[in-house]
Amino acid sequence: MSGSAPLPLSVFIIAQNEADRIGAVIRAVADLTDDLVVVDSGSTDGTQALAESLGARVIHNPWPGYGPQKRFAEAQCRHPWLLNLDADEVVPPALAAEIRALFAAGEPARPAWRLAIAEIFPGESRPHRWAYTLTPVRLYRLDAGRYAPSPVHDRVELRPGIEPGLLRARVHHFSVRSLGDQLIKLNRYSDQQADDLEARGVTIPAWRVFVELPGNFLKAYLGRRHFARGTYGFLTAMNYAISRHLRVAKHYERRRRAAAGNPRWAAGSPRAPLDRNGPNP
């Protein structure tokens, strides 16, 4: 297989209002595939036209939640191997070469692979050496697993017994447009988390309201090494902690209203987030 030939691999991206970011994502993987699928849930900023101009096959699907949207996108792909990226995740050349090497001799050795996804703050061109990094399964055969149907958790559920491999090069995750945009996004995501807790009948004890913010600040600032990122790292850790506090606070408020016999203030269809890239890691 030549260095420029497309792989037997579909790439899929879910998006809404990502015209400022999705172009770099598509360009980075354009040589890897002849089947690049963008599932758009109603962009108004020209995301669809931009993606199509770069060779993507754009399909509209109203927003059903993270897991269901990715399951819908899986079903639109033509190849048995799938690579999922969010609209703010750029595959650098080293990772593209690593993916290509997996297919150099035919079928990859494992049916699923984890990708290291490293966050990049505004003003940075590449991940910090201590950047917080997630390693979800993002490259996989469709017969090895599918995205879970959860509306708030987007993760691939593999068949029992499958042990995924891990690729070395890191995805560049440009998840933060600004601190204000991040906080709005996380606030909206906390609504969906409260919906999910209610739908599953999960009860979080009230004492968590008092510890969620300081505990999650320490989790992000120390555990995720945001302290190494200076003032911006401190501010990002604060945003994360606030969002986790809001999740519990909204859950508590709903329980309190229900106990008093008052209807929920947020009736109607589930609230969709401002973008389709999930919460900040």
Protein backbone atom coordinates (compact mmCIF):
# COMPACT_ATOMS: atom_id res chain seq x y z
CA MET A 1 0.00 0.00 0.00
CA SER A 2 1.55 3.29 -1.09
CA GLY A 3 2.15 6.15 1.28
CA SER A 4 -0.61 8.25 -0.27
CA ALA A 5 -3.22 5.60 -1.03
CA PRO A 6 -6.36 5.72 1.14
CA LEU A 7 -6.71 3.02 3.76
CA PRO A 8 -9.71 0.66 4.08
CA LEU A 9 -10.85 3.03 6.79
CA SER A 10 -13.80 5.39 7.29
CA VAL A 11 -13.35 8.55 9.34
CA PHE A 12 -16.41 10.03 11.02
CA ILE A 13 -16.94 13.32 12.85
CA ILE A 14 -20.04 14.69 14.57
CA ALA A 15 -20.38 18.46 14.50
CA GLN A 16 -22.47 21.56 14.97
CA ASN A 17 -21.16 25.09 14.35
CA GLU A 18 -17.52 24.03 13.98
CA ALA A 19 -16.50 26.06 10.90
CA ASP A 20 -13.57 27.59 12.83
CA ARG A 21 -12.08 24.20 13.76
CA ILE A 22 -13.28 21.33 11.57
CA GLY A 23 -11.22 22.32 8.51
CA ALA A 24 -7.92 21.47 10.19
CA VAL A 25 -9.36 18.15 11.41
CA ILE A 26 -10.48 17.09 7.93
CA ARG A 27 -7.29 18.20 6.17
CA ALA A 28 -5.14 16.20 8.62
CA VAL A 29 -6.80 12.88 7.73
CA ALA A 30 -7.85 13.49 4.12
CA ASP A 31 -5.08 11.26 2.73
CA LEU A 32 -5.97 8.36 5.03
CA THR A 33 -9.47 7.72 3.74
CA ASP A 34 -11.80 7.83 0.78
CA ASP A 35 -14.83 7.86 3.12
CA LEU A 36 -14.89 10.87 5.43
CA VAL A 37 -18.30 11.32 7.04
CA VAL A 38 -19.48 14.43 8.89
CA VAL A 39 -22.79 14.09 10.73
CA ASP A 40 -24.09 17.60 11.36
CA SER A 41 -26.95 18.34 13.73
CA GLY A 42 -27.92 21.76 12.42
CA SER A 43 -24.99 24.13 11.93
CA THR A 44 -25.71 27.75 11.06
CA ASP A 45 -22.11 28.89 10.52
CA GLY A 46 -21.30 27.13 7.24
CA THR A 47 -19.81 23.98 8.75
CA GLN A 48 -21.62 21.79 6.21
CA ALA A 49 -20.40 23.70 3.15
CA LEU A 50 -16.84 23.84 4.43
CA ALA A 51 -16.76 20.10 5.16
CA GLU A 52 -18.18 19.29 1.74
CA SER A 53 -15.64 21.56 0.03
CA LEU A 54 -12.89 19.50 1.70
CA GLY A 55 -14.29 16.22 0.42
CA ALA A 56 -16.46 15.10 3.33
CA ARG A 57 -19.81 13.42 2.91
CA VAL A 58 -22.12 15.53 5.08
CA ILE A 59 -25.28 14.02 6.55
CA HIS A 60 -27.81 15.88 8.68
CA ASN A 61 -29.20 14.20 11.79
CA PRO A 62 -31.06 16.04 14.59
CA TRP A 63 -29.20 15.90 17.88
CA PRO A 64 -30.14 12.77 19.91
CA GLY A 65 -27.22 12.87 22.40
CA TYR A 66 -23.53 11.98 22.14
CA GLY A 67 -23.69 8.18 22.05
CA PRO A 68 -26.73 7.92 19.75
CA GLN A 69 -25.24 10.48 17.34
CA LYS A 70 -21.99 8.56 17.09
CA ARG A 71 -23.89 5.29 16.61
CA PHE A 72 -25.80 6.94 13.77
CA ALA A 73 -22.49 8.09 12.27
CA GLU A 74 -21.03 4.58 12.54
CA ALA A 75 -23.91 3.26 10.46
CA GLN A 76 -23.17 5.74 7.65
CA CYS A 77 -19.58 4.53 7.16
CA ARG A 78 -18.66 2.30 4.22
CA HIS A 79 -15.53 0.55 5.54
CA PRO A 80 -15.28 -2.04 8.35
CA TRP A 81 -12.53 -0.03 10.07
CA LEU A 82 -13.57 3.27 11.67
CA LEU A 83 -11.65 6.25 13.03
CA ASN A 84 -13.67 8.66 15.13
CA LEU A 85 -12.53 12.24 15.74
CA ASP A 86 -14.28 15.16 17.33
CA ALA A 87 -14.40 18.41 15.37
CA ASP A 88 -11.63 19.92 17.51
CA GLU A 89 -9.18 16.97 17.36
CA VAL A 90 -6.33 17.17 14.84
CA VAL A 91 -4.28 14.12 13.86
CA PRO A 92 -0.62 15.23 13.56
CA PRO A 93 1.61 13.74 10.83
CA ALA A 94 3.31 11.36 13.28
CA LEU A 95 -0.01 9.80 14.24
CA ALA A 96 -1.19 9.62 10.63
CA ALA A 97 2.00 7.74 9.79
CA GLU A 98 1.47 5.40 12.74
CA ILE A 99 -2.09 4.63 11.63
CA ARG A 100 -0.89 4.01 8.09
CA ALA A 101 1.82 1.66 9.39
CA LEU A 102 -0.85 -0.46 11.12
CA PHE A 103 -2.35 -1.28 7.72
CA ALA A 104 0.95 -1.65 5.86
CA ALA A 105 0.84 -5.44 5.92
CA GLY A 106 -2.94 -5.78 5.68
CA GLU A 107 -5.26 -6.18 8.66
CA PRO A 108 -3.96 -4.56 11.89
CA ALA A 109 -2.88 -6.96 14.62
CA ARG A 110 -5.67 -5.91 16.99
CA PRO A 111 -9.32 -5.04 16.17
CA ALA A 112 -9.32 -1.89 18.34
CA TRP A 113 -6.82 0.82 19.26
CA ARG A 114 -6.71 3.59 21.81
CA LEU A 115 -5.62 7.07 20.79
CA ALA A 116 -3.91 9.44 23.22
CA ILE A 117 -5.84 12.72 23.07
CA ALA A 118 -3.91 15.63 24.62
CA GLU A 119 -5.55 18.97 25.36
CA ILE A 120 -4.09 22.17 23.93
CA PHE A 121 -4.93 25.52 25.51
CA PRO A 122 -5.42 28.73 23.50
CA GLY A 123 -2.04 30.19 22.56
CA GLU A 124 -0.37 26.75 22.37
CA SER A 125 0.52 25.11 19.07
CA ARG A 126 1.19 21.63 20.46
CA PRO A 127 0.44 19.69 23.63
CA HIS A 128 2.39 20.61 26.75
CA ARG A 129 4.65 17.77 27.89
CA TRP A 130 2.38 17.36 30.94
CA ALA A 131 -0.90 18.00 29.15
CA TYR A 132 -3.82 16.01 30.48
CA THR A 133 -4.34 13.10 28.08
CA LEU A 134 -7.23 10.70 27.63
CA THR A 135 -6.80 7.33 25.87
CA PRO A 136 -10.21 6.24 24.55
CA VAL A 137 -10.77 3.67 21.82
CA ARG A 138 -11.17 5.66 18.61
CA LEU A 139 -9.80 3.31 15.90
CA TYR A 140 -11.70 0.04 15.69
CA ARG A 141 -13.51 -2.49 13.55
CA LEU A 142 -17.27 -2.07 13.68
CA ASP A 143 -17.67 -5.78 14.38
CA ALA A 144 -15.42 -5.39 17.45
CA GLY A 145 -17.48 -2.74 19.19
CA ARG A 146 -19.83 0.20 18.92
CA TYR A 147 -20.42 3.44 20.73
CA ALA A 148 -22.55 3.10 23.84
CA PRO A 149 -26.08 4.53 23.47
CA SER A 150 -25.67 6.88 26.45
CA PRO A 151 -26.66 10.49 25.61
CA VAL A 152 -23.87 11.94 27.78
CA HIS A 153 -21.02 9.40 27.65
CA ASP A 154 -19.32 8.79 24.30
CA ARG A 155 -17.25 5.63 24.57
CA VAL A 156 -16.81 2.53 22.46
CA GLU A 157 -18.04 -0.65 24.09
CA LEU A 158 -15.89 -3.53 22.84
CA ARG A 159 -16.94 -7.14 22.67
CA PRO A 160 -15.83 -9.20 25.69
CA GLY A 161 -12.25 -10.41 25.49
CA ILE A 162 -10.96 -7.71 23.15
CA GLU A 163 -7.86 -5.94 24.46
CA PRO A 164 -7.17 -2.75 22.52
CA GLY A 165 -3.71 -1.55 21.59
CA LEU A 166 -2.40 1.98 22.16
CA LEU A 167 -0.88 4.24 19.53
CA ARG A 168 2.04 6.38 20.67
CA ALA A 169 1.60 9.74 18.92
CA ARG A 170 -0.93 12.11 20.46
CA VAL A 171 -4.02 13.70 18.94
CA HIS A 172 -3.97 17.50 19.27
CA HIS A 173 -7.15 18.46 21.10
CA PHE A 174 -8.04 22.16 20.63
CA SER A 175 -11.01 21.95 22.98
CA VAL A 176 -11.01 25.46 24.46
CA ARG A 177 -11.98 28.42 22.28
CA SER A 178 -11.99 30.72 25.31
CA LEU A 179 -12.65 30.43 29.04
CA GLY A 180 -16.11 31.94 28.61
CA ASP A 181 -17.04 29.57 25.81
CA GLN A 182 -15.71 26.65 27.83
CA LEU A 183 -17.80 27.58 30.85
CA ILE A 184 -20.97 27.94 28.77
CA LYS A 185 -20.27 24.55 27.19
CA LEU A 186 -19.66 22.87 30.55
CA ASN A 187 -22.76 24.48 32.06
CA ARG A 188 -24.91 23.09 29.28
CA TYR A 189 -23.26 19.69 29.64
CA SER A 190 -24.08 19.69 33.36
CA ASP A 191 -27.76 19.98 32.39
CA GLN A 192 -27.45 16.84 30.31
CA GLN A 193 -25.65 15.06 33.14
CA ALA A 194 -28.48 15.96 35.53
CA ASP A 195 -30.97 14.64 32.95
CA ASP A 196 -29.00 11.41 32.70
CA LEU A 197 -28.85 10.91 36.48
CA GLU A 198 -32.60 11.40 36.68
CA ALA A 199 -33.31 9.05 33.77
CA ARG A 200 -31.18 6.30 35.35
CA GLY A 201 -32.66 6.80 38.81
CA VAL A 202 -29.26 7.63 40.32
CA THR A 203 -29.21 9.65 43.55
CA ILE A 204 -26.14 11.61 44.60
CA PRO A 205 -26.09 12.38 48.35
CA ALA A 206 -26.60 16.03 49.33
CA TRP A 207 -23.25 16.26 51.15
CA ARG A 208 -21.51 16.13 47.76
CA VAL A 209 -22.72 19.71 47.13
CA PHE A 210 -20.21 20.93 49.73
CA VAL A 211 -17.15 19.06 48.44
CA GLU A 212 -17.65 18.79 44.70
CA LEU A 213 -16.10 22.15 43.78
CA PRO A 214 -12.94 22.05 45.95
CA GLY A 215 -12.44 18.33 45.35
CA ASN A 216 -12.64 18.64 41.58
CA PHE A 217 -10.46 21.72 41.53
CA LEU A 218 -7.72 19.67 43.21
CA LYS A 219 -8.40 16.80 40.81
CA ALA A 220 -7.80 19.07 37.81
CA TYR A 221 -5.12 21.35 39.23
CA LEU A 222 -2.99 18.63 40.81
CA GLY A 223 -4.17 15.29 39.43
CA ARG A 224 -4.41 16.51 35.84
CA ARG A 225 -1.31 18.67 36.27
CA HIS A 226 -2.95 21.95 35.32
CA PHE A 227 -0.59 23.55 37.83
CA ALA A 228 2.16 23.13 35.22
CA ARG A 229 0.24 25.32 32.76
CA GLY A 230 0.49 28.58 34.70
CA THR A 231 -2.40 30.99 35.20
CA TYR A 232 -4.43 29.53 32.34
CA GLY A 233 -4.12 26.11 33.90
CA PHE A 234 -5.48 27.47 37.19
CA LEU A 235 -8.43 29.11 35.41
CA THR A 236 -9.20 25.96 33.41
CA ALA A 237 -9.13 23.88 36.60
CA MET A 238 -11.61 26.32 38.14
CA ASN A 239 -13.96 25.98 35.17
CA TYR A 240 -13.82 22.21 35.45
CA ALA A 241 -14.56 22.33 39.17
CA ILE A 242 -17.49 24.71 38.65
CA SER A 243 -18.99 22.42 36.02
CA ARG A 244 -18.77 19.38 38.29
CA HIS A 245 -20.33 21.39 41.12
CA LEU A 246 -23.19 22.47 38.83
CA ARG A 247 -23.93 18.87 37.92
CA VAL A 248 -24.49 17.97 41.57
CA ALA A 249 -26.22 21.26 42.42
CA LYS A 250 -28.75 20.84 39.60
CA HIS A 251 -29.35 17.23 40.61
CA TYR A 252 -29.95 18.33 44.21
CA GLU A 253 -32.32 21.11 43.13
CA ARG A 254 -34.39 18.71 41.03
CA ARG A 255 -34.71 16.29 43.95
CA ARG A 256 -35.73 19.16 46.23
CA ARG A 257 -38.41 20.35 43.82
CA ALA A 258 -39.68 16.80 43.31
CA ALA A 259 -39.91 16.27 47.08
CA ALA A 260 -41.97 19.47 47.37
CA GLY A 261 -44.27 18.30 44.57
CA ASN A 262 -43.19 21.01 42.13
CA PRO A 263 -42.74 20.25 38.42
CA ARG A 264 -39.35 20.47 36.82
CA TRP A 265 -38.56 23.93 35.49
CA ALA A 266 -37.03 22.48 32.35
CA ALA A 267 -39.77 20.63 30.55
CA GLY A 268 -39.64 19.60 26.93
CA SER A 269 -36.95 18.09 24.78
CA PRO A 270 -33.45 17.36 26.12
CA ARG A 271 -31.08 20.30 26.00
CA ALA A 272 -28.31 20.10 23.43
CA PRO A 273 -24.83 21.45 24.13
CA LEU A 274 -23.35 24.37 22.25
CA ASP A 275 -21.04 22.09 20.32
CA ARG A 276 -20.79 18.39 19.69
CA ASN A 277 -17.40 17.64 21.20
CA GLY A 278 -18.43 16.56 24.68
CA PRO A 279 -17.15 18.08 27.88
CA ASN A 280 -13.65 19.37 28.26
CA PRO A 281 -11.39 16.55 29.52
